[in-house]
Protein backbone atom coordinates (compact mmCIF):
# COMPACT_ATOMS: atom_id res chain seq x y z
CA UNK A 1 104.89 109.62 88.41
CA UNK A 2 107.59 109.34 85.89
CA UNK A 3 106.97 110.31 82.23
CA UNK A 4 109.19 109.41 79.51
CA UNK A 5 109.73 110.98 76.06
CA UNK A 6 107.08 108.36 74.84
CA UNK A 7 104.22 110.51 76.13
CA UNK A 8 105.46 113.64 74.46
CA UNK A 9 105.97 111.70 71.14
CA UNK A 10 102.42 110.35 71.72
CA UNK A 11 101.07 113.81 72.43
CA UNK A 12 102.64 115.20 69.15
CA UNK A 13 101.40 112.36 67.04
CA UNK A 14 97.78 112.31 68.45
CA UNK A 15 97.57 116.11 68.36
CA UNK A 16 98.69 116.16 64.68
CA UNK A 17 95.64 113.80 63.97
CA UNK A 18 93.12 116.34 65.17
CA UNK A 19 90.66 117.17 62.42
CA UNK A 20 91.22 120.61 60.88
CA UNK A 21 87.77 121.90 61.68
CA UNK A 22 86.73 120.62 65.04
CA UNK A 23 83.11 121.55 65.74
CA UNK A 24 83.54 121.51 69.62
CA UNK A 25 85.98 123.37 71.83
CA UNK A 26 87.99 121.03 74.05
CA UNK A 27 88.40 121.69 77.76
CA UNK A 28 90.25 119.51 80.16
CA UNK A 29 89.63 118.97 83.93
CA UNK A 30 91.77 117.18 86.56
CA UNK A 31 89.04 115.34 88.41
CA UNK A 32 85.43 114.01 87.51
CA UNK A 33 83.43 116.42 89.87
CA UNK A 34 85.05 119.46 88.15
CA UNK A 35 84.25 117.97 84.76
CA UNK A 36 80.62 117.64 86.00
CA UNK A 37 80.36 121.23 86.77
CA UNK A 38 82.06 122.42 83.72
CA UNK A 39 79.74 120.23 81.51
CA UNK A 40 76.69 121.51 83.30
CA UNK A 41 77.75 125.22 82.87
CA UNK A 42 79.25 125.12 79.32
CA UNK A 43 76.55 123.16 77.54
CA UNK A 44 76.53 120.58 74.87
CA UNK A 45 78.63 122.45 72.34
CA UNK A 46 81.90 121.83 74.32
CA UNK A 47 83.90 118.64 74.64
CA UNK A 48 85.06 118.12 78.28
CA UNK A 49 87.52 115.51 79.40
CA UNK A 50 89.04 114.61 82.75
CA UNK A 51 92.52 113.20 83.59
CA UNK A 52 91.17 111.03 86.34
CA UNK A 53 88.57 108.50 85.02
CA UNK A 54 85.88 107.06 87.33
CA UNK A 55 87.49 104.70 89.75
CA UNK A 56 91.08 106.12 89.29
CA UNK A 57 93.07 106.77 92.48
CA UNK A 58 95.06 110.08 92.55
CA UNK A 59 97.80 108.35 94.38
CA UNK A 60 98.61 105.98 91.51
CA UNK A 61 97.19 107.87 88.52
CA UNK A 62 99.15 107.47 85.22
CA UNK A 63 97.74 109.23 82.17
CA UNK A 64 97.14 107.66 78.90
CA UNK A 65 98.46 109.09 75.59
CA UNK A 66 94.94 109.98 74.50
CA UNK A 67 94.48 111.94 77.75
CA UNK A 68 97.67 113.77 77.16
CA UNK A 69 96.81 114.67 73.61
CA UNK A 70 93.21 115.94 74.79
CA UNK A 71 95.23 118.11 77.37
CA UNK A 72 97.49 119.41 74.67
CA UNK A 73 94.50 120.33 72.48
CA UNK A 74 92.54 122.11 75.25
CA UNK A 75 91.72 125.84 75.42
CA UNK A 76 91.26 125.71 79.10
CA UNK A 77 92.36 123.44 81.87
CA UNK A 78 90.19 123.45 85.17
CA UNK A 79 92.42 122.24 88.10
CA UNK A 80 91.58 121.29 91.68
CA UNK A 81 94.70 123.26 92.55
CA UNK A 82 95.72 121.19 95.55
CA UNK A 83 96.67 117.76 94.19
CA UNK A 84 100.16 116.87 93.48
CA UNK A 85 99.40 114.76 90.32
CA UNK A 86 98.27 118.08 88.69
CA UNK A 87 101.49 119.82 89.09
CA UNK A 88 103.34 117.69 86.45
CA UNK A 89 100.42 118.41 84.00
CA UNK A 90 100.69 122.12 84.55
CA UNK A 91 104.26 122.01 83.55
CA UNK A 92 103.47 119.84 80.53
CA UNK A 93 100.60 122.14 79.51
CA UNK A 94 102.95 125.08 79.49
CA UNK A 95 105.32 123.30 77.07
CA UNK A 96 102.86 121.42 74.84
CA UNK A 97 100.03 124.04 74.67
CA UNK A 98 101.21 127.38 75.99
CA UNK A 99 98.09 129.31 74.82
CA UNK A 100 95.83 127.27 77.08
CA UNK A 101 94.63 128.87 80.21
CA UNK A 102 94.72 127.05 83.51
CA UNK A 103 91.84 127.75 85.96
CA UNK A 104 92.52 126.97 89.62
CA UNK A 105 89.01 126.05 91.08
CA UNK A 106 90.32 126.47 94.61
CA UNK A 107 90.61 130.21 94.22
CA UNK A 108 88.46 132.02 96.74
CA UNK A 109 87.93 128.97 98.90
CA UNK A 110 89.11 128.91 102.58
CA UNK A 111 91.31 125.74 102.54
CA UNK A 112 91.88 123.50 105.48
CA UNK A 113 95.36 122.17 106.36
CA UNK A 114 95.76 118.71 104.81
CA UNK A 115 96.49 115.41 106.49
CA UNK A 116 97.15 113.39 103.44
CA UNK A 117 100.46 114.93 102.28
CA UNK A 118 101.33 112.04 100.01
CA UNK A 119 99.30 113.58 97.22
CA UNK A 120 98.73 117.15 98.25
CA UNK A 121 100.77 119.94 96.87
CA UNK A 122 103.73 121.13 99.13
CA UNK A 123 103.33 118.09 101.31
CA UNK A 124 107.10 117.79 101.63
CA UNK A 125 107.39 121.25 103.15
CA UNK A 126 104.57 120.79 105.67
CA UNK A 127 102.21 123.34 104.17
CA UNK A 128 99.70 120.94 102.33
CA UNK A 129 96.06 122.01 102.04
CA UNK A 130 93.24 119.50 102.06
CA UNK A 131 92.18 119.05 98.29
CA UNK A 132 88.80 117.64 99.08
CA UNK A 133 87.04 121.12 99.19
CA UNK A 134 84.48 120.29 96.53
CA UNK A 135 82.39 118.04 98.86
CA UNK A 136 81.01 121.13 100.78
CA UNK A 137 78.01 122.73 99.02
CA UNK A 138 79.31 126.20 99.95
CA UNK A 139 82.56 125.53 98.38
CA UNK A 140 80.99 124.07 95.30
CA UNK A 141 78.99 127.19 94.83
CA UNK A 142 82.27 129.20 94.73
CA UNK A 143 83.58 126.57 92.24
CA UNK A 144 80.42 127.38 90.09
CA UNK A 145 81.24 131.05 90.14
CA UNK A 146 84.88 130.45 89.20
CA UNK A 147 84.07 128.16 86.32
CA UNK A 148 81.25 130.30 85.15
CA UNK A 149 83.45 133.42 85.06
CA UNK A 150 86.20 131.54 83.10
CA UNK A 151 83.82 130.24 80.47
CA UNK A 152 82.29 133.59 79.91
CA UNK A 153 85.57 135.54 79.88
CA UNK A 154 86.99 132.94 77.35
CA UNK A 155 83.99 132.97 75.02
CA UNK A 156 83.31 129.34 75.53
CA UNK A 157 79.37 129.87 75.99
CA UNK A 158 77.11 132.99 76.07
CA UNK A 159 77.09 134.81 79.46
CA UNK A 160 73.16 134.57 79.65
CA UNK A 161 73.21 130.85 79.08
CA UNK A 162 76.06 130.29 81.54
CA UNK A 163 74.36 132.43 84.12
CA UNK A 164 71.08 130.61 83.82
CA UNK A 165 72.86 127.18 84.24
CA UNK A 166 74.79 128.56 87.31
CA UNK A 167 71.48 129.53 88.81
CA UNK A 168 69.97 126.03 88.49
CA UNK A 169 73.22 124.59 89.93
CA UNK A 170 73.10 126.97 92.97
CA UNK A 171 69.46 126.11 93.62
CA UNK A 172 70.50 122.40 93.80
CA UNK A 173 73.35 123.24 95.90
CA UNK A 174 71.14 125.05 98.39
CA UNK A 175 69.01 122.11 98.58
CA UNK A 176 71.95 119.89 99.23
CA UNK A 177 72.97 122.32 102.04
CA UNK A 178 69.63 121.97 103.63
CA UNK A 179 69.72 118.27 103.54
CA UNK A 180 73.04 118.40 105.54
CA UNK A 181 71.59 120.74 108.11
CA UNK A 182 68.51 118.49 108.46
CA UNK A 183 70.67 115.41 108.88
CA UNK A 184 72.72 117.11 111.49
CA UNK A 185 69.72 118.52 113.32
CA UNK A 186 68.44 114.95 113.73
CA UNK A 187 71.70 113.29 114.66
CA UNK A 188 72.13 111.25 117.79
CA UNK A 189 75.95 111.87 117.63
CA UNK A 190 78.24 114.20 115.93
CA UNK A 191 81.42 112.03 115.34
CA UNK A 192 82.33 109.80 112.28
CA UNK A 193 85.04 107.67 111.17
CA UNK A 194 86.58 107.65 107.59
CA UNK A 195 89.49 105.70 106.15
CA UNK A 196 90.74 108.58 103.93
CA UNK A 197 90.38 112.13 105.28
CA UNK A 198 87.83 113.15 102.71
CA UNK A 199 84.99 114.90 104.63
CA UNK A 200 86.75 117.51 106.79
CA UNK A 201 85.06 120.37 104.88
CA UNK A 202 81.68 118.67 105.64
CA UNK A 203 82.67 118.42 109.20
CA UNK A 204 83.76 122.03 109.51
CA UNK A 205 80.56 123.30 107.65
CA UNK A 206 78.06 121.42 109.78
CA UNK A 207 79.77 121.09 113.30
CA UNK A 208 80.73 117.54 112.92
CA UNK A 209 83.94 115.65 113.97
CA UNK A 210 85.81 113.55 111.45
CA UNK A 211 88.23 110.80 112.77
CA UNK A 212 90.48 109.47 109.93
CA UNK A 213 92.13 106.10 109.93
CA UNK A 214 94.74 107.00 107.43
CA UNK A 215 96.94 109.96 108.57
CA UNK A 216 99.58 111.72 106.21
CA UNK A 217 99.01 108.93 103.60
CA UNK A 218 99.90 106.33 106.20
CA UNK A 219 97.91 103.43 107.71
CA UNK A 220 97.94 103.54 111.55
CA UNK A 221 100.30 101.36 113.54
CA UNK A 222 98.51 99.03 116.17
CA UNK A 223 98.35 101.37 119.18
CA UNK A 224 96.80 104.03 116.93
CA UNK A 225 94.25 101.61 115.58
CA UNK A 226 93.27 100.55 119.12
CA UNK A 227 92.88 104.25 120.13
CA UNK A 228 90.48 104.64 117.11
CA UNK A 229 88.43 101.60 118.21
CA UNK A 230 88.21 102.93 121.62
CA UNK A 231 87.14 106.35 120.55
CA UNK A 232 84.55 104.77 118.25
CA UNK A 233 83.09 102.82 121.07
CA UNK A 234 83.14 105.81 123.40
CA UNK A 235 81.32 107.86 120.79
CA UNK A 236 78.77 105.11 119.81
CA UNK A 237 80.07 104.95 116.28
CA UNK A 238 79.62 101.57 114.65
CA UNK A 239 80.19 102.30 110.92
CA UNK A 240 83.32 103.29 109.03
CA UNK A 241 83.14 105.34 105.78
CA UNK A 242 85.41 104.30 102.95
CA UNK A 243 86.19 105.66 99.45
CA UNK A 244 85.96 102.88 96.82
CA UNK A 245 89.47 103.75 95.70
CA UNK A 246 91.18 102.96 98.99
CA UNK A 247 92.15 100.03 101.06
CA UNK A 248 89.35 98.65 103.25
CA UNK A 249 91.35 96.45 105.63
CA UNK A 250 91.75 98.60 108.67
CA UNK A 251 88.26 99.92 108.20
CA UNK A 252 86.89 96.40 108.32
CA UNK A 253 88.97 95.61 111.52
CA UNK A 254 87.37 98.72 113.23
CA UNK A 255 83.85 97.97 112.09
CA UNK A 256 84.18 94.42 113.39
CA UNK A 257 85.18 95.61 116.87
CA UNK A 258 82.44 98.19 117.00
CA UNK A 259 79.68 95.78 115.55
CA UNK A 260 78.85 97.77 112.53
CA UNK A 261 80.12 97.71 108.99
CA UNK A 262 81.80 99.46 106.12
CA UNK A 263 79.82 102.15 104.24
CA UNK A 264 81.00 103.29 100.76
CA UNK A 265 81.18 106.85 99.15
CA UNK A 266 82.68 108.01 96.00
CA UNK A 267 83.38 111.80 96.25
CA UNK A 268 85.59 111.52 93.06
CA UNK A 269 82.66 110.24 91.05
CA UNK A 270 81.33 112.18 88.05
CA UNK A 271 77.78 113.21 89.24
CA UNK A 272 78.27 115.53 91.99
CA UNK A 273 74.70 115.53 93.45
CA UNK A 274 74.35 111.82 93.06
CA UNK A 275 77.66 111.27 95.06
CA UNK A 276 76.71 113.96 97.50
CA UNK A 277 73.36 112.41 98.13
CA UNK A 278 75.17 109.09 98.94
CA UNK A 279 77.50 110.93 101.36
CA UNK A 280 74.37 112.47 103.15
CA UNK A 281 72.74 109.07 103.38
CA UNK A 282 75.83 107.22 104.77
CA UNK A 283 76.65 109.92 107.19
CA UNK A 284 73.06 109.93 108.43
CA UNK A 285 73.39 106.14 108.99
CA UNK A 286 76.66 106.64 111.01
CA UNK A 287 75.25 109.49 113.06
CA UNK A 288 72.12 107.64 113.94
CA UNK A 289 72.40 103.86 114.01
């Protein structure tokens, strides 16, 4: 992304238009799933925004002046911590809003090595981490802990209220974890194919194998695509899972060869549990049909 002085001017202009007495504190997040958890934990007296809107692709994201102004007015910024597009906003936040605190939601999470270096941090140096850690219920529970601690420490909401909300979220995460375990216990196979390597944390947590069409941000060449098709047929995998934000061409090629189809997920969507239930449903179809 290239940002011109236009954005900084827009930030200054829009920030100066903020009402003198704002009833709600403003908190910014980088992606919609983090926004969901922050809103669930902070309550209704906090205004929470996300840099990525529903349907945005982290690869091609460009901020609006309004989003930049919200960032400059935020008291806290909750980041995924492993997405390249966040890095520039970290630097902007330091210059435009130096009193804001940045919270890295990946703290305390055992990260996997990434295979989509075109949008991960440190990808040019070969040390990228997989940024999709939130899809795992166990990792989401750690995120809830990190977010809760930050909200309480910074006086965003009373500790007892945040703790009660965290307990409710953790109960729902435990139920989600059980749903994954039941799905795997009934599975006919343990391999699935995705376009973008989004579900490696699910694969690790539940003993599955993820085969990704895209590797290091690149589509496969013909012989790689042929190997994937052969592997899919050998494993009895008919369907290919695709995120709505990504290209579907090669996924459709594989599914046509295997006699299945394309199944859609949206882990970048706002409602964490709704999107997770969709992932469970689609994986269950891949592993059994």
